[in-house]
Amino acid sequence: MPDLGNPPPLFRRIGEGGRAVVPIEVDGVPIPAREGDTLLVAILTNGDRARTSEFGDGARAGFCLMGACQDCWVWTVDGARLRACTTPVAAGLEIVTREVPWPSLV
């Protein structure tokens, strides 16, 4: 995840914490998610952006939050594209938010 002097996370959990922790990895950094979270919630409770735009126009944090726009796309390490706002977390999921990995063709 981009480190800009450790800014505070964009989302914060309030009075909720009884769900199981699901370990995922974002840009090579392990982060805790909660069972039932979407990727967007998991990413934004641990950082200040969902991804960096591949078009050079800066940080993205999701826009519609319901799967209709293109603002929260992230990628798995093997190149699959996912909408962070509608994809539930799964243990062991490895996400890339900055550089689009190309799938192996060999």
C-alpha atoms as a PDB file:
ATOM      1  CA  MET A   1       0.000   0.000   0.000  1.00  0.00           C
ATOM      2  CA  PRO A   2       1.312   3.467  -0.707  1.00  0.00           C
ATOM      3  CA  ASP A   3       3.106   4.976   2.288  1.00  0.00           C
ATOM      4  CA  LEU A   4       2.714   8.733   2.462  1.00  0.00           C
ATOM      5  CA  GLY A   5       4.099   9.184   5.959  1.00  0.00           C
ATOM      6  CA  ASN A   6       1.583   6.728   7.423  1.00  0.00           C
ATOM      7  CA  PRO A   7      -1.631   8.747   6.989  1.00  0.00           C
ATOM      8  CA  PRO A   8      -4.584   7.419   8.986  1.00  0.00           C
ATOM      9  CA  PRO A   9      -6.875   4.821   7.391  1.00  0.00           C
ATOM     10  CA  LEU A  10      -9.826   6.187   5.451  1.00  0.00           C
ATOM     11  CA  PHE A  11     -12.332   3.881   7.208  1.00  0.00           C
ATOM     12  CA  ARG A  12     -12.521   3.136  10.920  1.00  0.00           C
ATOM     13  CA  ARG A  13     -14.429   0.365  12.677  1.00  0.00           C
ATOM     14  CA  ILE A  14     -16.701   1.601  15.426  1.00  0.00           C
ATOM     15  CA  GLY A  15     -17.871  -0.790  18.133  1.00  0.00           C
ATOM     16  CA  GLU A  16     -17.650  -3.890  15.957  1.00  0.00           C
ATOM     17  CA  GLY A  17     -15.102  -6.629  16.166  1.00  0.00           C
ATOM     18  CA  GLY A  18     -16.745  -9.958  16.853  1.00  0.00           C
ATOM     19  CA  ARG A  19     -16.157 -11.450  13.400  1.00  0.00           C
ATOM     20  CA  ALA A  20     -13.207 -13.733  12.679  1.00  0.00           C
ATOM     21  CA  VAL A  21     -10.004 -12.201  11.322  1.00  0.00           C
ATOM     22  CA  VAL A  22      -9.202 -13.180   7.727  1.00  0.00           C
ATOM     23  CA  PRO A  23      -5.556 -12.647   6.730  1.00  0.00           C
ATOM     24  CA  ILE A  24      -5.001 -11.132   3.286  1.00  0.00           C
ATOM     25  CA  GLU A  25      -2.046  -9.424   1.633  1.00  0.00           C
ATOM     26  CA  VAL A  26      -2.128  -6.055  -0.146  1.00  0.00           C
ATOM     27  CA  ASP A  27       0.944  -4.986  -2.131  1.00  0.00           C
ATOM     28  CA  GLY A  28       3.027  -7.541  -0.249  1.00  0.00           C
ATOM     29  CA  VAL A  29       1.905  -6.334   3.195  1.00  0.00           C
ATOM     30  CA  PRO A  30      -0.217  -8.615   5.402  1.00  0.00           C
ATOM     31  CA  ILE A  31      -3.361  -6.875   6.649  1.00  0.00           C
ATOM     32  CA  PRO A  32      -6.206  -8.105   8.838  1.00  0.00           C
ATOM     33  CA  ALA A  33      -9.683  -8.205   7.360  1.00  0.00           C
ATOM     34  CA  ARG A  34     -12.883  -9.395   8.987  1.00  0.00           C
ATOM     35  CA  GLU A  35     -15.035 -12.257   7.800  1.00  0.00           C
ATOM     36  CA  GLY A  36     -17.775 -10.733   5.627  1.00  0.00           C
ATOM     37  CA  ASP A  37     -15.763  -7.630   4.637  1.00  0.00           C
ATOM     38  CA  THR A  38     -15.421  -6.618   1.026  1.00  0.00           C
ATOM     39  CA  LEU A  39     -11.894  -6.005  -0.245  1.00  0.00           C
ATOM     40  CA  LEU A  40     -12.606  -2.271  -0.267  1.00  0.00           C
ATOM     41  CA  VAL A  41     -13.536  -2.240   3.425  1.00  0.00           C
ATOM     42  CA  ALA A  42     -10.473  -4.335   4.294  1.00  0.00           C
ATOM     43  CA  ILE A  43      -8.129  -2.102   2.291  1.00  0.00           C
ATOM     44  CA  LEU A  44      -9.558   1.205   3.536  1.00  0.00           C
ATOM     45  CA  THR A  45      -9.590   0.176   7.208  1.00  0.00           C
ATOM     46  CA  ASN A  46      -5.848  -0.421   6.813  1.00  0.00           C
ATOM     47  CA  GLY A  47      -4.882   2.461   4.506  1.00  0.00           C
ATOM     48  CA  ASP A  48      -5.929   5.720   2.910  1.00  0.00           C
ATOM     49  CA  ARG A  49      -6.566   4.571  -0.688  1.00  0.00           C
ATOM     50  CA  ALA A  50      -7.840   1.570  -2.578  1.00  0.00           C
ATOM     51  CA  ARG A  51      -5.347   1.875  -5.407  1.00  0.00           C
ATOM     52  CA  THR A  52      -3.269   4.228  -7.502  1.00  0.00           C
ATOM     53  CA  SER A  53      -4.774   5.026 -10.886  1.00  0.00           C
ATOM     54  CA  GLU A  54      -3.046   3.399 -13.825  1.00  0.00           C
ATOM     55  CA  PHE A  55      -3.715   6.598 -15.800  1.00  0.00           C
ATOM     56  CA  GLY A  56      -1.501   8.742 -13.585  1.00  0.00           C
ATOM     57  CA  ASP A  57      -4.278  10.817 -12.055  1.00  0.00           C
ATOM     58  CA  GLY A  58      -3.635   9.818  -8.454  1.00  0.00           C
ATOM     59  CA  ALA A  59      -5.105   7.858  -5.610  1.00  0.00           C
ATOM     60  CA  ARG A  60      -8.494   6.155  -5.808  1.00  0.00           C
ATOM     61  CA  ALA A  61     -10.742   5.174  -2.895  1.00  0.00           C
ATOM     62  CA  GLY A  62     -13.842   3.889  -4.638  1.00  0.00           C
ATOM     63  CA  PHE A  63     -16.663   6.057  -5.932  1.00  0.00           C
ATOM     64  CA  CYS A  64     -20.044   4.359  -6.201  1.00  0.00           C
ATOM     65  CA  LEU A  65     -19.372   1.567  -3.656  1.00  0.00           C
ATOM     66  CA  MET A  66     -21.872  -0.701  -5.427  1.00  0.00           C
ATOM     67  CA  GLY A  67     -19.990  -2.156  -8.417  1.00  0.00           C
ATOM     68  CA  ALA A  68     -21.176   0.269 -11.097  1.00  0.00           C
ATOM     69  CA  CYS A  69     -18.073   2.400 -11.687  1.00  0.00           C
ATOM     70  CA  GLN A  70     -14.420   1.576 -12.413  1.00  0.00           C
ATOM     71  CA  ASP A  71     -12.781   3.318  -9.464  1.00  0.00           C
ATOM     72  CA  CYS A  72     -11.959   0.390  -7.138  1.00  0.00           C
ATOM     73  CA  TRP A  73     -10.417  -2.169  -9.529  1.00  0.00           C
ATOM     74  CA  VAL A  74      -7.568  -4.143  -7.944  1.00  0.00           C
ATOM     75  CA  TRP A  75      -5.711  -7.201  -9.195  1.00  0.00           C
ATOM     76  CA  THR A  76      -4.686 -10.550  -7.800  1.00  0.00           C
ATOM     77  CA  VAL A  77      -0.991 -11.360  -8.008  1.00  0.00           C
ATOM     78  CA  ASP A  78      -1.711 -13.649 -10.963  1.00  0.00           C
ATOM     79  CA  GLY A  79      -3.398 -10.827 -12.908  1.00  0.00           C
ATOM     80  CA  ALA A  80      -7.135 -11.361 -12.319  1.00  0.00           C
ATOM     81  CA  ARG A  81      -9.011  -8.067 -12.008  1.00  0.00           C
ATOM     82  CA  LEU A  82     -11.465  -7.640  -9.103  1.00  0.00           C
ATOM     83  CA  ARG A  83     -13.868  -4.916  -8.018  1.00  0.00           C
ATOM     84  CA  ALA A  84     -12.861  -4.246  -4.435  1.00  0.00           C
ATOM     85  CA  CYS A  85     -16.289  -2.927  -3.445  1.00  0.00           C
ATOM     86  CA  THR A  86     -18.156  -6.130  -4.332  1.00  0.00           C
ATOM     87  CA  THR A  87     -15.553  -8.867  -3.772  1.00  0.00           C
ATOM     88  CA  PRO A  88     -15.628 -10.561  -0.356  1.00  0.00           C
ATOM     89  CA  VAL A  89     -12.317 -11.214   1.361  1.00  0.00           C
ATOM     90  CA  ALA A  90     -10.951 -14.749   1.445  1.00  0.00           C
ATOM     91  CA  ALA A  91      -8.073 -16.065   3.532  1.00  0.00           C
ATOM     92  CA  GLY A  92      -4.793 -15.965   1.658  1.00  0.00           C
ATOM     93  CA  LEU A  93      -5.962 -13.503  -1.009  1.00  0.00           C
ATOM     94  CA  GLU A  94      -3.020 -11.532  -2.433  1.00  0.00           C
ATOM     95  CA  ILE A  95      -3.955  -8.190  -3.986  1.00  0.00           C
ATOM     96  CA  VAL A  96      -1.952  -5.678  -6.011  1.00  0.00           C
ATOM     97  CA  THR A  97      -3.114  -2.049  -6.111  1.00  0.00           C
ATOM     98  CA  ARG A  98      -0.339  -0.199  -7.951  1.00  0.00           C
ATOM     99  CA  GLU A  99       1.142  -2.183 -10.759  1.00  0.00           C
ATOM    100  CA  VAL A 100      -1.042  -4.277 -12.988  1.00  0.00           C
ATOM    101  CA  PRO A 101       0.594  -7.727 -13.154  1.00  0.00           C
ATOM    102  CA  TRP A 102       0.337  -9.508 -16.468  1.00  0.00           C
ATOM    103  CA  PRO A 103      -0.608 -13.190 -16.338  1.00  0.00           C
ATOM    104  CA  SER A 104       2.030 -15.688 -17.309  1.00  0.00           C
ATOM    105  CA  LEU A 105       1.631 -16.818 -20.914  1.00  0.00           C
ATOM    106  CA  VAL A 106       4.031 -19.716 -20.575  1.00  0.00           C
END
